Amino acid sequence: MILDDIAAGADARRWMADKLYMIIEKRLEDEKATFITANLSLEQLAEAYDTRITSRLIRRGVDKVIQVDVQDFNLRGMEACSM
């Protein structure tokens, strides 16, 4: 399963946190892989949602957090358009 851009739900954080928690907990229980993208670090996700969620993202010790610093895909090429 891929959960893309989980930090985008700023308007419904409490609802989103509850649903994310349930999904991540079930995926862990079933030992299924889950890929998650966000424009926030783990620390920022913990502040924005809940530490329960971020702790489960790295719970088993085999989980990996990979930080990739790239420009937003939708903004690529915008510099050329504004000239």
N, C-alpha and C. Protein backbone atom coordinates (compact mmCIF):
# COMPACT_ATOMS: atom_id res chain seq x y z
N MET A 1 0.85 -1.16 0.00
CA MET A 1 0.00 0.00 0.00
C MET A 1 0.90 1.23 0.00
N ILE A 2 0.47 2.24 -0.72
CA ILE A 2 1.17 3.52 -0.74
C ILE A 2 0.21 4.60 -0.24
N LEU A 3 0.63 5.32 0.78
CA LEU A 3 -0.12 6.46 1.29
C LEU A 3 0.66 7.69 0.87
N ASP A 4 0.13 8.43 -0.06
CA ASP A 4 0.85 9.55 -0.67
C ASP A 4 0.47 10.87 -0.02
N ASP A 5 1.49 11.65 0.30
CA ASP A 5 1.34 13.02 0.77
C ASP A 5 0.41 13.12 1.99
N ILE A 6 0.73 12.35 3.03
CA ILE A 6 -0.16 12.29 4.19
C ILE A 6 -0.27 13.60 4.95
N ALA A 7 0.65 14.50 4.74
CA ALA A 7 0.59 15.78 5.45
C ALA A 7 -0.33 16.79 4.77
N ALA A 8 -0.94 16.40 3.67
CA ALA A 8 -1.79 17.34 2.93
C ALA A 8 -3.15 17.57 3.59
N GLY A 9 -3.54 16.75 4.54
CA GLY A 9 -4.86 16.87 5.15
C GLY A 9 -4.91 17.82 6.33
N ALA A 10 -4.40 19.00 6.17
CA ALA A 10 -4.30 19.95 7.28
C ALA A 10 -5.66 20.35 7.85
N ASP A 11 -6.69 20.35 7.05
CA ASP A 11 -8.00 20.79 7.51
C ASP A 11 -8.72 19.76 8.38
N ALA A 12 -8.31 18.51 8.29
CA ALA A 12 -9.01 17.46 9.03
C ALA A 12 -8.00 16.61 9.81
N ARG A 13 -7.11 17.25 10.52
CA ARG A 13 -6.01 16.53 11.18
C ARG A 13 -6.47 15.48 12.17
N ARG A 14 -7.44 15.78 13.02
CA ARG A 14 -7.87 14.79 14.02
C ARG A 14 -8.46 13.56 13.34
N TRP A 15 -9.32 13.78 12.37
CA TRP A 15 -9.92 12.68 11.62
C TRP A 15 -8.83 11.90 10.89
N MET A 16 -7.93 12.63 10.23
CA MET A 16 -6.84 12.01 9.47
C MET A 16 -5.93 11.21 10.39
N ALA A 17 -5.61 11.73 11.56
CA ALA A 17 -4.75 11.03 12.50
C ALA A 17 -5.39 9.72 12.94
N ASP A 18 -6.67 9.73 13.22
CA ASP A 18 -7.36 8.51 13.62
C ASP A 18 -7.34 7.47 12.51
N LYS A 19 -7.60 7.89 11.29
CA LYS A 19 -7.62 6.95 10.16
C LYS A 19 -6.22 6.43 9.86
N LEU A 20 -5.23 7.32 9.87
CA LEU A 20 -3.85 6.88 9.64
C LEU A 20 -3.42 5.87 10.69
N TYR A 21 -3.74 6.14 11.94
CA TYR A 21 -3.40 5.22 13.01
C TYR A 21 -4.00 3.84 12.76
N MET A 22 -5.27 3.80 12.42
CA MET A 22 -5.95 2.52 12.18
C MET A 22 -5.33 1.77 11.00
N ILE A 23 -5.03 2.48 9.93
CA ILE A 23 -4.44 1.85 8.75
C ILE A 23 -3.05 1.31 9.07
N ILE A 24 -2.21 2.14 9.67
CA ILE A 24 -0.84 1.73 9.96
C ILE A 24 -0.82 0.58 10.97
N GLU A 25 -1.64 0.65 11.98
CA GLU A 25 -1.71 -0.42 12.98
C GLU A 25 -2.12 -1.74 12.34
N LYS A 26 -3.12 -1.72 11.47
CA LYS A 26 -3.58 -2.94 10.79
C LYS A 26 -2.49 -3.49 9.87
N ARG A 27 -1.81 -2.61 9.15
CA ARG A 27 -0.74 -3.06 8.24
C ARG A 27 0.39 -3.69 9.04
N LEU A 28 0.73 -3.12 10.18
CA LEU A 28 1.75 -3.72 11.04
C LEU A 28 1.31 -5.09 11.55
N GLU A 29 0.09 -5.16 12.00
CA GLU A 29 -0.48 -6.40 12.52
C GLU A 29 -0.43 -7.50 11.46
N ASP A 30 -0.74 -7.15 10.23
CA ASP A 30 -0.75 -8.11 9.12
C ASP A 30 0.63 -8.29 8.49
N GLU A 31 1.63 -7.56 9.00
CA GLU A 31 3.02 -7.61 8.49
C GLU A 31 3.09 -7.31 7.00
N LYS A 32 2.37 -6.30 6.59
CA LYS A 32 2.36 -5.88 5.19
C LYS A 32 3.14 -4.58 5.03
N ALA A 33 3.78 -4.45 3.89
CA ALA A 33 4.59 -3.26 3.61
C ALA A 33 3.68 -2.07 3.32
N THR A 34 4.12 -0.91 3.77
CA THR A 34 3.41 0.33 3.52
C THR A 34 4.44 1.41 3.18
N PHE A 35 4.25 2.06 2.06
CA PHE A 35 5.11 3.17 1.66
C PHE A 35 4.34 4.45 1.90
N ILE A 36 5.00 5.40 2.54
CA ILE A 36 4.33 6.64 2.89
C ILE A 36 5.19 7.81 2.41
N THR A 37 4.53 8.77 1.76
CA THR A 37 5.24 9.99 1.40
C THR A 37 4.60 11.16 2.15
N ALA A 38 5.44 12.12 2.49
CA ALA A 38 4.97 13.31 3.18
C ALA A 38 5.97 14.43 2.96
N ASN A 39 5.52 15.63 3.05
CA ASN A 39 6.43 16.76 2.92
C ASN A 39 6.90 17.24 4.29
N LEU A 40 6.77 16.38 5.31
CA LEU A 40 7.20 16.70 6.66
C LEU A 40 8.15 15.62 7.17
N SER A 41 9.01 15.99 8.10
CA SER A 41 9.88 15.02 8.75
C SER A 41 9.06 14.22 9.77
N LEU A 42 9.65 13.16 10.34
CA LEU A 42 8.95 12.40 11.38
C LEU A 42 8.59 13.28 12.56
N GLU A 43 9.50 14.17 12.93
CA GLU A 43 9.24 15.08 14.05
C GLU A 43 8.06 16.00 13.74
N GLN A 44 8.02 16.51 12.53
CA GLN A 44 6.93 17.40 12.13
C GLN A 44 5.60 16.64 12.04
N LEU A 45 5.66 15.39 11.57
CA LEU A 45 4.44 14.57 11.54
C LEU A 45 3.92 14.31 12.94
N ALA A 46 4.84 14.06 13.88
CA ALA A 46 4.44 13.82 15.27
C ALA A 46 3.75 15.05 15.85
N GLU A 47 4.25 16.22 15.52
CA GLU A 47 3.63 17.46 16.00
C GLU A 47 2.29 17.71 15.33
N ALA A 48 2.22 17.45 14.03
CA ALA A 48 1.01 17.73 13.27
C ALA A 48 -0.10 16.73 13.56
N TYR A 49 0.24 15.49 13.77
CA TYR A 49 -0.78 14.46 13.97
C TYR A 49 -0.71 13.89 15.38
N ASP A 50 0.19 12.92 15.56
CA ASP A 50 0.24 12.21 16.82
C ASP A 50 1.52 11.38 16.87
N THR A 51 2.15 11.32 18.02
CA THR A 51 3.37 10.52 18.15
C THR A 51 3.07 9.03 17.99
N ARG A 52 1.83 8.61 18.24
CA ARG A 52 1.47 7.20 18.03
C ARG A 52 1.69 6.79 16.59
N ILE A 53 1.39 7.69 15.67
CA ILE A 53 1.53 7.38 14.25
C ILE A 53 3.00 7.27 13.88
N THR A 54 3.79 8.26 14.23
CA THR A 54 5.20 8.22 13.84
C THR A 54 5.95 7.09 14.53
N SER A 55 5.58 6.75 15.75
CA SER A 55 6.27 5.64 16.42
C SER A 55 5.99 4.33 15.70
N ARG A 56 4.82 4.18 15.13
CA ARG A 56 4.49 2.96 14.41
C ARG A 56 5.18 2.90 13.05
N LEU A 57 5.56 4.02 12.52
CA LEU A 57 6.26 4.02 11.24
C LEU A 57 7.65 3.43 11.36
N ILE A 58 8.20 3.44 12.57
CA ILE A 58 9.55 2.90 12.77
C ILE A 58 9.58 1.84 13.87
N ARG A 59 8.47 1.23 14.14
CA ARG A 59 8.30 0.32 15.28
C ARG A 59 9.16 -0.93 15.22
N ARG A 60 9.22 -1.60 14.12
CA ARG A 60 9.83 -2.93 14.09
C ARG A 60 11.35 -2.93 14.00
N GLY A 61 11.96 -1.81 13.81
CA GLY A 61 13.41 -1.77 13.72
C GLY A 61 13.96 -2.11 12.34
N VAL A 62 13.13 -2.67 11.49
CA VAL A 62 13.54 -2.96 10.12
C VAL A 62 12.97 -1.92 9.16
N ASP A 63 12.11 -1.07 9.69
CA ASP A 63 11.51 -0.03 8.88
C ASP A 63 12.55 1.04 8.57
N LYS A 64 12.39 1.67 7.44
CA LYS A 64 13.35 2.68 7.02
C LYS A 64 12.65 4.00 6.72
N VAL A 65 13.28 5.06 7.16
CA VAL A 65 12.82 6.40 6.83
C VAL A 65 13.89 6.98 5.92
N ILE A 66 13.49 7.37 4.75
CA ILE A 66 14.43 7.92 3.77
C ILE A 66 14.00 9.35 3.47
N GLN A 67 14.88 10.27 3.78
CA GLN A 67 14.59 11.68 3.51
C GLN A 67 15.14 12.03 2.13
N VAL A 68 14.28 12.56 1.30
CA VAL A 68 14.65 12.96 -0.04
C VAL A 68 14.28 14.43 -0.19
N ASP A 69 15.27 15.25 -0.45
CA ASP A 69 15.03 16.67 -0.63
C ASP A 69 15.01 17.00 -2.12
N VAL A 70 13.80 17.14 -2.64
CA VAL A 70 13.63 17.49 -4.06
C VAL A 70 12.53 18.53 -4.16
N GLN A 71 12.56 19.23 -5.27
CA GLN A 71 11.51 20.21 -5.52
C GLN A 71 10.20 19.49 -5.82
N ASP A 72 9.10 20.06 -5.39
CA ASP A 72 7.78 19.50 -5.66
C ASP A 72 7.65 19.24 -7.16
N PHE A 73 7.20 18.04 -7.51
CA PHE A 73 7.07 17.65 -8.91
C PHE A 73 6.21 18.63 -9.70
N ASN A 74 5.15 19.12 -9.10
CA ASN A 74 4.24 20.04 -9.79
C ASN A 74 4.85 21.41 -10.03
N LEU A 75 5.90 21.73 -9.29
CA LEU A 75 6.54 23.03 -9.46
C LEU A 75 7.73 23.01 -10.41
N ARG A 76 8.17 21.83 -10.81
CA ARG A 76 9.31 21.72 -11.73
C ARG A 76 8.95 22.38 -13.05
N GLY A 77 9.87 23.15 -13.56
CA GLY A 77 9.65 23.82 -14.83
C GLY A 77 8.90 25.13 -14.71
N MET A 78 8.41 25.46 -13.53
CA MET A 78 7.66 26.70 -13.35
C MET A 78 8.56 27.92 -13.50
N GLU A 79 9.87 27.76 -13.19
CA GLU A 79 10.79 28.89 -13.32
C GLU A 79 10.86 29.36 -14.77
N ALA A 80 10.84 28.40 -15.71
CA ALA A 80 10.90 28.75 -17.13
C ALA A 80 9.63 29.47 -17.57
N CYS A 81 8.50 29.13 -16.98
CA CYS A 81 7.21 29.74 -17.36
C CYS A 81 7.09 31.18 -16.87
N SER A 82 7.81 31.52 -15.80
CA SER A 82 7.65 32.86 -15.22
C SER A 82 8.61 33.87 -15.83
N MET A 83 9.38 33.47 -16.79
CA MET A 83 10.34 34.41 -17.40
C MET A 83 9.70 35.25 -18.45
